[in-house]
Amino acid sequence: MKREHSSIKLVGVEGKWAPEMERLTYLQKLFRKATNLVVDSHEKSQFLANYIEEATKKIVDGSWLHLQTYR
């Protein structure tokens, strides 16, 4: 079985996480929070799934660059 995350390297610099791992950890935390909020409802789960699929398409085709906003 191939796992999507198997290509991620755990690399640290001077005892700190590599920037990629920091981003991964942050995104995983957000994803867990979102999934915990929607798991009780088919409709909410489908909304989140559609949102993630649409965001993934925008990342792949590069159209996300036109939507960038910084907080």
Protein backbone atom coordinates (compact mmCIF):
# COMPACT_ATOMS: atom_id res chain seq x y z
CA MET A 1 0.00 0.00 0.00
CA LYS A 2 1.35 3.40 -0.95
CA ARG A 3 0.72 6.19 1.51
CA GLU A 4 0.54 9.82 0.39
CA HIS A 5 2.63 11.06 3.30
CA SER A 6 5.43 8.54 2.83
CA SER A 7 7.47 10.97 0.74
CA ILE A 8 7.65 13.59 3.50
CA LYS A 9 11.05 13.76 5.09
CA LEU A 10 11.48 14.49 8.77
CA VAL A 11 14.26 17.02 8.58
CA GLY A 12 15.30 19.29 11.40
CA VAL A 13 17.81 22.08 11.61
CA GLU A 14 19.47 22.79 14.95
CA GLY A 15 16.69 21.05 16.85
CA LYS A 16 13.92 22.83 14.93
CA TRP A 17 11.44 21.38 12.50
CA ALA A 18 12.05 22.05 8.87
CA PRO A 19 9.60 24.62 7.45
CA GLU A 20 7.84 21.87 5.49
CA MET A 21 7.14 19.90 8.66
CA GLU A 22 5.90 23.00 10.47
CA ARG A 23 3.45 23.66 7.63
CA LEU A 24 2.38 20.01 7.56
CA THR A 25 1.76 19.98 11.30
CA TYR A 26 -0.25 23.22 11.10
CA LEU A 27 -2.39 21.96 8.21
CA GLN A 28 -3.01 18.62 9.93
CA LYS A 29 -4.21 20.49 13.02
CA LEU A 30 -6.62 22.57 10.91
CA PHE A 31 -7.84 19.48 9.07
CA ARG A 32 -8.50 17.59 12.33
CA LYS A 33 -10.44 20.56 13.70
CA ALA A 34 -12.54 20.86 10.53
CA THR A 35 -13.27 17.14 10.28
CA ASN A 36 -14.27 16.97 13.93
CA LEU A 37 -16.81 19.74 13.27
CA VAL A 38 -18.43 18.01 10.27
CA VAL A 39 -18.22 14.30 10.96
CA ASP A 40 -21.68 14.25 12.55
CA SER A 41 -23.41 15.39 9.36
CA HIS A 42 -23.41 14.04 5.82
CA GLU A 43 -24.20 17.49 4.44
CA LYS A 44 -21.40 19.23 6.36
CA SER A 45 -18.98 16.44 5.47
CA GLN A 46 -19.86 16.76 1.80
CA PHE A 47 -19.44 20.56 1.96
CA LEU A 48 -15.93 20.16 3.40
CA ALA A 49 -15.03 17.44 0.90
CA ASN A 50 -16.16 19.63 -2.00
CA TYR A 51 -14.23 22.60 -0.62
CA ILE A 52 -11.04 20.53 -0.31
CA GLU A 53 -11.47 19.07 -3.81
CA GLU A 54 -11.98 22.54 -5.30
CA ALA A 55 -8.96 23.94 -3.43
CA THR A 56 -6.86 20.99 -4.63
CA LYS A 57 -7.85 21.66 -8.24
CA LYS A 58 -6.88 25.34 -7.87
CA ILE A 59 -3.48 24.36 -6.44
CA VAL A 60 -2.84 21.89 -9.28
CA ASP A 61 -3.87 24.27 -12.07
CA GLY A 62 -2.24 27.33 -10.51
CA SER A 63 -5.40 29.41 -10.30
CA TRP A 64 -4.92 29.76 -6.52
CA LEU A 65 -2.26 32.38 -7.26
CA HIS A 66 -4.97 34.80 -8.37
CA LEU A 67 -6.92 34.25 -5.13
CA GLN A 68 -4.11 34.77 -2.64
CA THR A 69 -4.90 36.76 0.45
CA TYR A 70 -2.65 37.12 3.43
CA ARG A 71 -3.89 37.33 6.97
